N, C-alpha and C. Protein backbone atom coordinates (compact mmCIF):
# COMPACT_ATOMS: atom_id res chain seq x y z
N MET A 1 0.85 -1.19 0.00
CA MET A 1 0.00 0.00 0.00
C MET A 1 0.88 1.24 0.00
N SER A 2 0.62 2.15 -0.93
CA SER A 2 1.44 3.37 -0.97
C SER A 2 0.97 4.35 0.10
N LYS A 3 1.90 5.17 0.55
CA LYS A 3 1.58 6.12 1.60
C LYS A 3 0.70 7.24 1.06
N LYS A 4 -0.22 7.72 1.91
CA LYS A 4 -1.06 8.86 1.57
C LYS A 4 -0.16 10.10 1.55
N ARG A 5 -0.52 11.04 0.67
CA ARG A 5 0.33 12.22 0.44
C ARG A 5 -0.25 13.45 1.14
N ILE A 6 0.57 14.07 1.98
CA ILE A 6 0.17 15.25 2.75
C ILE A 6 0.93 16.46 2.21
N VAL A 7 0.20 17.54 1.96
CA VAL A 7 0.81 18.82 1.58
C VAL A 7 0.49 19.81 2.69
N ILE A 8 1.51 20.54 3.14
CA ILE A 8 1.33 21.52 4.22
C ILE A 8 1.50 22.94 3.69
N PHE A 9 0.59 23.83 4.08
CA PHE A 9 0.71 25.27 3.83
C PHE A 9 1.00 25.93 5.17
N ALA A 10 2.02 26.79 5.22
CA ALA A 10 2.35 27.50 6.47
C ALA A 10 2.92 28.87 6.12
N SER A 11 2.79 29.81 7.06
CA SER A 11 3.27 31.17 6.82
C SER A 11 4.46 31.58 7.67
N GLY A 12 4.74 30.82 8.73
CA GLY A 12 5.70 31.31 9.70
C GLY A 12 6.78 30.33 10.09
N SER A 13 6.95 30.19 11.40
CA SER A 13 8.04 29.41 11.97
C SER A 13 7.98 27.94 11.60
N GLY A 14 6.77 27.39 11.59
CA GLY A 14 6.63 26.01 11.14
C GLY A 14 6.86 24.93 12.19
N THR A 15 6.67 25.26 13.47
CA THR A 15 6.86 24.23 14.50
C THR A 15 5.81 23.13 14.37
N ASN A 16 4.57 23.50 14.07
CA ASN A 16 3.52 22.49 13.87
C ASN A 16 3.82 21.66 12.63
N ALA A 17 4.24 22.33 11.56
CA ALA A 17 4.57 21.61 10.32
C ALA A 17 5.69 20.61 10.58
N GLU A 18 6.72 21.04 11.30
CA GLU A 18 7.84 20.13 11.58
C GLU A 18 7.39 18.96 12.46
N ASN A 19 6.52 19.23 13.40
CA ASN A 19 5.98 18.18 14.26
C ASN A 19 5.23 17.13 13.43
N ILE A 20 4.47 17.60 12.44
CA ILE A 20 3.73 16.69 11.55
C ILE A 20 4.71 15.90 10.69
N ILE A 21 5.70 16.58 10.13
CA ILE A 21 6.72 15.92 9.29
C ILE A 21 7.39 14.80 10.08
N THR A 22 7.82 15.12 11.30
CA THR A 22 8.52 14.15 12.15
C THR A 22 7.61 12.97 12.48
N HIS A 23 6.36 13.26 12.81
CA HIS A 23 5.39 12.20 13.14
C HIS A 23 5.25 11.22 11.97
N PHE A 24 5.10 11.76 10.77
CA PHE A 24 4.83 10.89 9.62
C PHE A 24 6.08 10.22 9.06
N LYS A 25 7.24 10.59 9.56
CA LYS A 25 8.45 9.83 9.18
C LYS A 25 8.38 8.43 9.80
N GLN A 26 7.71 8.31 10.94
CA GLN A 26 7.57 7.02 11.61
C GLN A 26 6.29 6.29 11.21
N ALA A 27 5.34 7.01 10.65
CA ALA A 27 4.03 6.42 10.35
C ALA A 27 4.05 5.68 9.02
N THR A 28 3.23 4.66 8.93
CA THR A 28 3.16 3.89 7.67
C THR A 28 2.07 4.42 6.75
N ILE A 29 1.13 5.20 7.30
CA ILE A 29 -0.04 5.58 6.52
C ILE A 29 0.21 6.77 5.58
N GLY A 30 1.06 7.71 6.00
CA GLY A 30 1.20 8.90 5.18
C GLY A 30 2.57 9.52 5.29
N GLU A 31 2.80 10.51 4.40
CA GLU A 31 4.06 11.25 4.45
C GLU A 31 3.83 12.66 3.92
N VAL A 32 4.60 13.59 4.44
CA VAL A 32 4.55 14.96 3.95
C VAL A 32 5.42 15.01 2.70
N VAL A 33 4.82 15.44 1.58
CA VAL A 33 5.55 15.44 0.32
C VAL A 33 5.91 16.85 -0.17
N LEU A 34 5.25 17.88 0.41
CA LEU A 34 5.48 19.24 -0.06
C LEU A 34 5.07 20.22 1.03
N VAL A 35 5.89 21.28 1.22
CA VAL A 35 5.55 22.36 2.12
C VAL A 35 5.55 23.66 1.31
N LEU A 36 4.43 24.38 1.37
CA LEU A 36 4.28 25.62 0.62
C LEU A 36 4.13 26.79 1.58
N SER A 37 4.70 27.94 1.21
CA SER A 37 4.56 29.12 2.05
C SER A 37 4.40 30.38 1.21
N ASN A 38 3.60 31.29 1.74
CA ASN A 38 3.40 32.60 1.12
C ASN A 38 4.47 33.59 1.59
N ASN A 39 5.40 33.12 2.42
CA ASN A 39 6.43 33.98 2.98
C ASN A 39 7.80 33.38 2.64
N LYS A 40 8.54 34.02 1.75
CA LYS A 40 9.80 33.42 1.29
C LYS A 40 10.85 33.34 2.40
N ASN A 41 10.66 34.11 3.47
CA ASN A 41 11.59 34.06 4.60
C ASN A 41 11.08 33.21 5.77
N ALA A 42 9.99 32.49 5.55
CA ALA A 42 9.41 31.69 6.63
C ALA A 42 10.37 30.58 7.05
N LYS A 43 10.52 30.43 8.34
CA LYS A 43 11.40 29.39 8.88
C LYS A 43 10.90 27.99 8.51
N VAL A 44 9.61 27.87 8.23
CA VAL A 44 9.04 26.57 7.87
C VAL A 44 9.73 25.99 6.63
N LEU A 45 10.14 26.84 5.69
CA LEU A 45 10.79 26.36 4.47
C LEU A 45 12.13 25.70 4.80
N GLU A 46 12.87 26.35 5.70
CA GLU A 46 14.16 25.80 6.15
C GLU A 46 13.96 24.48 6.90
N ARG A 47 12.94 24.46 7.77
CA ARG A 47 12.65 23.24 8.54
C ARG A 47 12.34 22.08 7.59
N ALA A 48 11.52 22.34 6.58
CA ALA A 48 11.14 21.28 5.62
C ALA A 48 12.36 20.80 4.84
N LYS A 49 13.19 21.73 4.40
CA LYS A 49 14.40 21.36 3.65
C LYS A 49 15.33 20.49 4.50
N ASN A 50 15.40 20.78 5.80
CA ASN A 50 16.22 19.97 6.71
C ASN A 50 15.74 18.52 6.78
N HIS A 51 14.47 18.30 6.42
CA HIS A 51 13.90 16.95 6.40
C HIS A 51 13.82 16.40 4.96
N ASN A 52 14.52 17.08 4.05
CA ASN A 52 14.52 16.67 2.63
C ASN A 52 13.12 16.66 2.01
N ILE A 53 12.32 17.64 2.38
CA ILE A 53 10.98 17.76 1.80
C ILE A 53 10.97 18.95 0.85
N ASN A 54 10.37 18.76 -0.31
CA ASN A 54 10.28 19.83 -1.30
C ASN A 54 9.50 21.00 -0.75
N THR A 55 9.94 22.21 -1.12
CA THR A 55 9.27 23.42 -0.67
C THR A 55 8.98 24.32 -1.86
N LEU A 56 8.03 25.20 -1.67
CA LEU A 56 7.69 26.17 -2.71
C LEU A 56 7.18 27.43 -2.04
N HIS A 57 7.66 28.57 -2.52
CA HIS A 57 7.17 29.87 -2.06
C HIS A 57 6.29 30.43 -3.16
N PHE A 58 5.21 31.09 -2.79
CA PHE A 58 4.30 31.64 -3.80
C PHE A 58 3.77 32.99 -3.36
N ASP A 59 3.22 33.73 -4.33
CA ASP A 59 2.58 35.01 -4.01
C ASP A 59 1.06 34.85 -4.18
N LYS A 60 0.35 35.93 -3.89
CA LYS A 60 -1.12 35.90 -3.93
C LYS A 60 -1.64 35.48 -5.30
N LYS A 61 -1.01 36.02 -6.36
CA LYS A 61 -1.45 35.73 -7.72
C LYS A 61 -1.36 34.22 -8.02
N ASN A 62 -0.26 33.61 -7.60
CA ASN A 62 -0.08 32.17 -7.82
C ASN A 62 -1.06 31.33 -7.01
N LEU A 63 -1.48 31.84 -5.85
CA LEU A 63 -2.39 31.08 -5.00
C LEU A 63 -3.77 30.96 -5.64
N VAL A 64 -4.20 31.98 -6.33
CA VAL A 64 -5.56 31.99 -6.87
C VAL A 64 -5.61 31.67 -8.36
N SER A 65 -4.47 31.41 -8.97
CA SER A 65 -4.41 31.18 -10.40
C SER A 65 -4.58 29.71 -10.74
N GLU A 66 -5.28 29.45 -11.82
CA GLU A 66 -5.48 28.09 -12.34
C GLU A 66 -4.13 27.43 -12.66
N LYS A 67 -3.16 28.24 -13.10
CA LYS A 67 -1.85 27.70 -13.51
C LYS A 67 -0.81 27.77 -12.38
N GLY A 68 -1.21 28.29 -11.24
CA GLY A 68 -0.25 28.46 -10.13
C GLY A 68 -0.24 27.27 -9.20
N ILE A 69 -0.58 27.54 -7.94
CA ILE A 69 -0.54 26.52 -6.89
C ILE A 69 -1.49 25.37 -7.19
N LEU A 70 -2.63 25.67 -7.81
CA LEU A 70 -3.57 24.60 -8.15
C LEU A 70 -2.91 23.59 -9.08
N GLN A 71 -2.16 24.07 -10.06
CA GLN A 71 -1.45 23.18 -10.98
C GLN A 71 -0.41 22.33 -10.22
N THR A 72 0.31 22.97 -9.29
CA THR A 72 1.29 22.25 -8.46
C THR A 72 0.60 21.14 -7.67
N LEU A 73 -0.56 21.45 -7.11
CA LEU A 73 -1.30 20.45 -6.33
C LEU A 73 -1.77 19.30 -7.22
N ARG A 74 -2.24 19.63 -8.41
CA ARG A 74 -2.68 18.57 -9.35
C ARG A 74 -1.53 17.61 -9.64
N GLU A 75 -0.34 18.18 -9.80
CA GLU A 75 0.84 17.34 -10.09
C GLU A 75 1.26 16.53 -8.86
N THR A 76 1.06 17.10 -7.67
CA THR A 76 1.49 16.47 -6.42
C THR A 76 0.50 15.40 -5.94
N LYS A 77 -0.78 15.58 -6.32
CA LYS A 77 -1.86 14.64 -5.95
C LYS A 77 -1.96 14.39 -4.44
N PRO A 78 -2.23 15.45 -3.66
CA PRO A 78 -2.34 15.25 -2.21
C PRO A 78 -3.61 14.52 -1.82
N ASP A 79 -3.49 13.69 -0.79
CA ASP A 79 -4.68 13.07 -0.19
C ASP A 79 -5.27 13.99 0.86
N LEU A 80 -4.42 14.86 1.43
CA LEU A 80 -4.87 15.81 2.44
C LEU A 80 -3.99 17.06 2.37
N ILE A 81 -4.64 18.22 2.46
CA ILE A 81 -3.94 19.50 2.50
C ILE A 81 -4.11 20.05 3.92
N VAL A 82 -2.99 20.33 4.57
CA VAL A 82 -3.01 20.75 5.97
C VAL A 82 -2.51 22.19 6.09
N LEU A 83 -3.34 23.05 6.67
CA LEU A 83 -2.92 24.42 6.94
C LEU A 83 -2.40 24.45 8.37
N ALA A 84 -1.12 24.75 8.52
CA ALA A 84 -0.48 24.76 9.84
C ALA A 84 0.11 26.14 10.05
N GLY A 85 -0.73 27.07 10.50
CA GLY A 85 -0.26 28.44 10.66
C GLY A 85 -0.18 29.15 9.32
N PHE A 86 -1.16 28.91 8.47
CA PHE A 86 -1.23 29.60 7.17
C PHE A 86 -2.20 30.76 7.33
N LEU A 87 -1.72 31.99 7.09
CA LEU A 87 -2.48 33.17 7.49
C LEU A 87 -3.36 33.77 6.39
N TRP A 88 -3.25 33.34 5.17
CA TRP A 88 -4.10 33.89 4.12
C TRP A 88 -5.39 33.09 4.02
N LYS A 89 -6.43 33.77 3.55
CA LYS A 89 -7.69 33.07 3.29
C LYS A 89 -7.44 32.06 2.17
N PHE A 90 -7.92 30.85 2.36
CA PHE A 90 -7.65 29.79 1.38
C PHE A 90 -8.60 29.95 0.19
N PRO A 91 -8.09 29.88 -1.04
CA PRO A 91 -8.91 30.21 -2.21
C PRO A 91 -9.92 29.12 -2.60
N GLU A 92 -11.09 29.59 -3.04
CA GLU A 92 -12.15 28.68 -3.46
C GLU A 92 -11.72 27.79 -4.62
N ILE A 93 -10.85 28.31 -5.49
CA ILE A 93 -10.40 27.54 -6.65
C ILE A 93 -9.76 26.21 -6.21
N ILE A 94 -9.07 26.23 -5.08
CA ILE A 94 -8.46 24.99 -4.56
C ILE A 94 -9.49 24.19 -3.76
N LEU A 95 -10.30 24.88 -2.96
CA LEU A 95 -11.31 24.18 -2.15
C LEU A 95 -12.29 23.39 -3.03
N LYS A 96 -12.66 23.96 -4.19
CA LYS A 96 -13.59 23.27 -5.10
C LYS A 96 -12.97 21.98 -5.63
N GLU A 97 -11.67 22.01 -5.90
CA GLU A 97 -11.00 20.85 -6.46
C GLU A 97 -10.71 19.78 -5.40
N TYR A 98 -10.60 20.20 -4.14
CA TYR A 98 -10.28 19.27 -3.05
C TYR A 98 -11.32 19.38 -1.92
N PRO A 99 -12.58 19.02 -2.22
CA PRO A 99 -13.61 19.14 -1.17
C PRO A 99 -13.32 18.18 -0.01
N ASN A 100 -13.45 18.69 1.21
CA ASN A 100 -13.20 17.90 2.42
C ASN A 100 -11.80 17.29 2.46
N LYS A 101 -10.85 17.97 1.84
CA LYS A 101 -9.46 17.50 1.84
C LYS A 101 -8.52 18.58 2.38
N VAL A 102 -9.10 19.71 2.83
CA VAL A 102 -8.29 20.81 3.36
C VAL A 102 -8.70 21.02 4.81
N ILE A 103 -7.70 20.91 5.72
CA ILE A 103 -7.99 21.11 7.14
C ILE A 103 -7.08 22.19 7.72
N ASN A 104 -7.53 22.76 8.83
CA ASN A 104 -6.79 23.83 9.49
C ASN A 104 -6.82 23.58 11.00
N ILE A 105 -5.83 24.14 11.69
CA ILE A 105 -5.86 24.11 13.15
C ILE A 105 -5.97 25.55 13.64
N HIS A 106 -6.85 25.76 14.63
CA HIS A 106 -7.06 27.11 15.17
C HIS A 106 -6.77 27.09 16.67
N PRO A 107 -6.07 28.12 17.18
CA PRO A 107 -5.65 28.09 18.59
C PRO A 107 -6.71 28.58 19.58
N ALA A 108 -7.95 28.14 19.39
CA ALA A 108 -9.03 28.47 20.32
C ALA A 108 -10.16 27.48 20.07
N LEU A 109 -11.18 27.56 20.93
CA LEU A 109 -12.33 26.67 20.80
C LEU A 109 -13.38 27.35 19.94
N LEU A 110 -13.31 27.09 18.65
CA LEU A 110 -14.29 27.69 17.73
C LEU A 110 -15.69 27.22 18.12
N PRO A 111 -16.73 28.02 17.90
CA PRO A 111 -16.74 29.26 17.13
C PRO A 111 -16.22 30.50 17.85
N LYS A 112 -15.82 30.36 19.12
CA LYS A 112 -15.25 31.52 19.83
C LYS A 112 -13.88 31.88 19.24
N TYR A 113 -13.60 33.15 19.17
CA TYR A 113 -12.27 33.67 18.80
C TYR A 113 -11.78 33.21 17.43
N GLY A 114 -12.71 33.18 16.49
CA GLY A 114 -12.34 32.87 15.12
C GLY A 114 -12.57 34.07 14.23
N GLY A 115 -12.21 33.93 12.97
CA GLY A 115 -12.47 34.99 11.99
C GLY A 115 -11.20 35.73 11.60
N LYS A 116 -11.37 36.66 10.68
CA LYS A 116 -10.24 37.41 10.14
C LYS A 116 -9.49 38.13 11.25
N GLY A 117 -8.18 38.02 11.24
CA GLY A 117 -7.35 38.71 12.22
C GLY A 117 -7.19 37.96 13.54
N MET A 118 -7.92 36.86 13.69
CA MET A 118 -7.82 36.09 14.93
C MET A 118 -6.84 34.93 14.74
N TYR A 119 -5.59 35.20 15.05
CA TYR A 119 -4.56 34.16 14.97
C TYR A 119 -3.50 34.47 16.00
N GLY A 120 -2.76 33.42 16.37
CA GLY A 120 -1.62 33.58 17.28
C GLY A 120 -1.95 34.34 18.55
N SER A 121 -1.10 35.29 18.89
CA SER A 121 -1.24 36.00 20.17
C SER A 121 -2.51 36.86 20.22
N TYR A 122 -3.06 37.24 19.06
CA TYR A 122 -4.33 38.00 19.07
C TYR A 122 -5.44 37.17 19.70
N VAL A 123 -5.44 35.88 19.41
CA VAL A 123 -6.44 34.99 20.00
C VAL A 123 -6.22 34.89 21.50
N HIS A 124 -4.97 34.63 21.90
CA HIS A 124 -4.67 34.44 23.33
C HIS A 124 -4.97 35.71 24.14
N LYS A 125 -4.67 36.88 23.58
CA LYS A 125 -4.97 38.15 24.27
C LYS A 125 -6.47 38.32 24.46
N ALA A 126 -7.25 37.95 23.44
CA ALA A 126 -8.71 38.07 23.53
C ALA A 126 -9.27 37.09 24.57
N VAL A 127 -8.73 35.89 24.62
CA VAL A 127 -9.15 34.89 25.59
C VAL A 127 -8.92 35.41 27.01
N ILE A 128 -7.74 35.99 27.24
CA ILE A 128 -7.40 36.54 28.57
C ILE A 128 -8.28 37.75 28.90
N ALA A 129 -8.45 38.64 27.92
CA ALA A 129 -9.26 39.85 28.14
C ALA A 129 -10.69 39.50 28.55
N ASN A 130 -11.19 38.40 28.05
CA ASN A 130 -12.55 37.98 28.38
C ASN A 130 -12.62 37.06 29.59
N LYS A 131 -11.48 36.92 30.29
CA LYS A 131 -11.41 36.14 31.52
C LYS A 131 -11.96 34.71 31.35
N GLU A 132 -11.61 34.09 30.23
CA GLU A 132 -12.03 32.71 29.98
C GLU A 132 -11.34 31.79 30.99
N THR A 133 -12.04 30.72 31.38
CA THR A 133 -11.45 29.74 32.31
C THR A 133 -10.86 28.55 31.56
N GLU A 134 -11.12 28.51 30.24
CA GLU A 134 -10.52 27.47 29.41
C GLU A 134 -10.35 27.97 27.98
N THR A 135 -9.42 27.35 27.29
CA THR A 135 -9.25 27.58 25.86
C THR A 135 -8.83 26.23 25.28
N GLY A 136 -8.34 26.24 24.06
CA GLY A 136 -7.94 24.96 23.48
C GLY A 136 -7.63 25.09 22.01
N ILE A 137 -7.83 23.98 21.30
CA ILE A 137 -7.58 23.96 19.87
C ILE A 137 -8.80 23.41 19.15
N THR A 138 -8.93 23.83 17.91
CA THR A 138 -9.98 23.30 17.03
C THR A 138 -9.32 22.90 15.72
N ILE A 139 -9.54 21.67 15.30
CA ILE A 139 -9.11 21.23 13.98
C ILE A 139 -10.39 21.14 13.16
N HIS A 140 -10.40 21.80 12.00
CA HIS A 140 -11.64 21.87 11.23
C HIS A 140 -11.36 21.83 9.73
N TYR A 141 -12.40 21.46 8.99
CA TYR A 141 -12.31 21.54 7.53
C TYR A 141 -12.32 23.01 7.14
N VAL A 142 -11.68 23.32 6.04
CA VAL A 142 -11.62 24.71 5.57
C VAL A 142 -12.72 24.91 4.53
N ASN A 143 -13.46 26.01 4.70
CA ASN A 143 -14.41 26.40 3.65
C ASN A 143 -14.07 27.83 3.23
N GLU A 144 -14.99 28.48 2.53
CA GLU A 144 -14.66 29.81 1.97
C GLU A 144 -14.67 30.93 3.00
N HIS A 145 -15.01 30.64 4.25
CA HIS A 145 -15.01 31.65 5.31
C HIS A 145 -13.96 31.30 6.37
N TYR A 146 -13.34 32.33 6.94
CA TYR A 146 -12.34 32.10 8.00
C TYR A 146 -12.96 31.32 9.15
N ASP A 147 -12.36 30.19 9.49
CA ASP A 147 -12.67 29.45 10.73
C ASP A 147 -14.13 29.00 10.86
N GLU A 148 -14.81 28.77 9.73
CA GLU A 148 -16.22 28.39 9.81
C GLU A 148 -16.49 26.98 9.29
N GLY A 149 -15.48 26.26 8.83
CA GLY A 149 -15.70 24.90 8.32
C GLY A 149 -16.08 23.94 9.43
N ALA A 150 -16.62 22.79 9.04
CA ALA A 150 -17.08 21.78 10.00
C ALA A 150 -15.93 21.37 10.95
N ILE A 151 -16.26 21.30 12.23
CA ILE A 151 -15.27 20.95 13.26
C ILE A 151 -15.02 19.44 13.24
N ILE A 152 -13.75 19.07 13.23
CA ILE A 152 -13.33 17.66 13.24
C ILE A 152 -12.99 17.23 14.66
N PHE A 153 -12.30 18.13 15.40
CA PHE A 153 -11.76 17.75 16.72
C PHE A 153 -11.52 19.01 17.55
N GLN A 154 -11.81 18.90 18.84
CA GLN A 154 -11.46 19.98 19.78
C GLN A 154 -10.87 19.37 21.04
N GLU A 155 -9.94 20.09 21.65
CA GLU A 155 -9.39 19.69 22.93
C GLU A 155 -9.24 20.94 23.78
N LYS A 156 -9.55 20.82 25.08
CA LYS A 156 -9.53 21.97 25.98
C LYS A 156 -8.36 21.91 26.95
N THR A 157 -8.01 23.09 27.45
CA THR A 157 -7.06 23.20 28.55
C THR A 157 -7.57 24.28 29.50
N ALA A 158 -7.40 24.05 30.80
CA ALA A 158 -7.87 25.00 31.81
C ALA A 158 -6.93 26.21 31.88
N LEU A 159 -7.50 27.35 32.23
CA LEU A 159 -6.71 28.58 32.39
C LEU A 159 -6.88 29.10 33.81
N SER A 160 -5.79 29.64 34.35
CA SER A 160 -5.86 30.27 35.67
C SER A 160 -6.09 31.77 35.49
N ALA A 161 -6.27 32.46 36.59
CA ALA A 161 -6.48 33.91 36.52
C ALA A 161 -5.18 34.65 36.24
N HIS A 162 -4.05 33.95 36.24
CA HIS A 162 -2.75 34.61 36.12
C HIS A 162 -2.07 34.36 34.77
N GLU A 163 -2.83 33.93 33.77
CA GLU A 163 -2.23 33.61 32.48
C GLU A 163 -1.75 34.87 31.76
N THR A 164 -0.73 34.65 30.93
CA THR A 164 -0.26 35.69 30.00
C THR A 164 -0.46 35.12 28.60
N PRO A 165 -0.39 35.97 27.56
CA PRO A 165 -0.49 35.41 26.20
C PRO A 165 0.56 34.32 25.97
N GLU A 166 1.72 34.46 26.59
CA GLU A 166 2.80 33.48 26.41
C GLU A 166 2.47 32.15 27.08
N THR A 167 1.89 32.18 28.29
CA THR A 167 1.56 30.93 28.97
C THR A 167 0.38 30.23 28.27
N VAL A 168 -0.57 31.03 27.77
CA VAL A 168 -1.68 30.44 27.02
C VAL A 168 -1.14 29.80 25.75
N ALA A 169 -0.22 30.48 25.07
CA ALA A 169 0.37 29.94 23.84
C ALA A 169 1.06 28.61 24.11
N GLU A 170 1.79 28.52 25.23
CA GLU A 170 2.47 27.26 25.58
C GLU A 170 1.48 26.11 25.75
N LYS A 171 0.38 26.39 26.46
CA LYS A 171 -0.63 25.35 26.69
C LYS A 171 -1.27 24.93 25.36
N VAL A 172 -1.57 25.90 24.51
CA VAL A 172 -2.20 25.62 23.22
C VAL A 172 -1.24 24.85 22.32
N HIS A 173 0.03 25.27 22.29
CA HIS A 173 1.03 24.56 21.47
C HIS A 173 1.16 23.10 21.90
N ALA A 174 1.13 22.86 23.20
CA ALA A 174 1.24 21.48 23.69
C ALA A 174 0.08 20.63 23.14
N LEU A 175 -1.12 21.21 23.13
CA LEU A 175 -2.28 20.48 22.58
C LEU A 175 -2.11 20.26 21.08
N GLU A 176 -1.62 21.29 20.38
CA GLU A 176 -1.43 21.18 18.93
C GLU A 176 -0.45 20.05 18.60
N TYR A 177 0.69 20.06 19.29
CA TYR A 177 1.73 19.06 19.02
C TYR A 177 1.22 17.66 19.31
N GLU A 178 0.44 17.52 20.38
CA GLU A 178 -0.05 16.20 20.77
C GLU A 178 -1.11 15.67 19.81
N HIS A 179 -2.05 16.53 19.42
CA HIS A 179 -3.24 16.05 18.72
C HIS A 179 -3.25 16.20 17.20
N PHE A 180 -2.60 17.24 16.65
CA PHE A 180 -2.71 17.50 15.21
C PHE A 180 -2.24 16.30 14.38
N PRO A 181 -1.06 15.74 14.64
CA PRO A 181 -0.63 14.58 13.84
C PRO A 181 -1.58 13.39 13.95
N LYS A 182 -2.11 13.16 15.16
CA LYS A 182 -3.01 12.01 15.38
C LYS A 182 -4.32 12.17 14.60
N VAL A 183 -4.83 13.41 14.58
CA VAL A 183 -6.08 13.67 13.85
C VAL A 183 -5.84 13.51 12.35
N ILE A 184 -4.70 13.99 11.86
CA ILE A 184 -4.36 13.81 10.44
C ILE A 184 -4.29 12.32 10.11
N GLU A 185 -3.64 11.57 10.97
CA GLU A 185 -3.51 10.12 10.76
C GLU A 185 -4.89 9.45 10.69
N LYS A 186 -5.77 9.86 11.58
CA LYS A 186 -7.13 9.30 11.60
C LYS A 186 -7.87 9.64 10.31
N LEU A 187 -7.72 10.87 9.83
CA LEU A 187 -8.38 11.29 8.59
C LEU A 187 -7.86 10.52 7.38
N LEU A 188 -6.61 10.11 7.42
CA LEU A 188 -6.01 9.37 6.30
C LEU A 188 -6.33 7.87 6.35
N SER A 189 -6.78 7.40 7.52
CA SER A 189 -7.05 5.97 7.69
C SER A 189 -8.32 5.58 6.96
N PRO A 190 -8.31 4.37 6.35
CA PRO A 190 -9.53 3.92 5.67
C PRO A 190 -10.66 3.78 6.68
N ARG A 191 -11.81 4.23 6.29
CA ARG A 191 -12.96 4.20 7.22
C ARG A 191 -13.61 2.84 7.23
């Protein structure tokens, strides 16, 4: 049985992407075959290259063009497209071609703290400002609206009254690292 093909889109440091890459090096079901970024200086590209994974940098025009990233994906034939810290709205041209094959991870319990501009420390600051007693992660399918696709998985973590955006980020990252690869593996498994 050939391994399922995973393509990752990321915009930044790529710690989640690297965690997924490392996980699937040991897994029999799938492998990361390509990492794409809209940021040519993103650390994720370097991380992927260190694991001998092909990388590609693109601009907005290439993301929405029939001959751009969509063509690359057609050639790559992904079984699953994973957004791991990808900050641009994902284009309908790709979503139409890969229905229920694009997933994202969000650093809060959707539908709370989702939408345009809600990422990273902005989410954690809002969670603290609203004196939430818990937060967590949401892994969901991507649709044409920010953070509104069907929820696949959620996990919670308790918050104290003394949290900072940094301590919330640490708790959320721990959940991401633990659960994101496992959820991807489950999605790739034959039903």
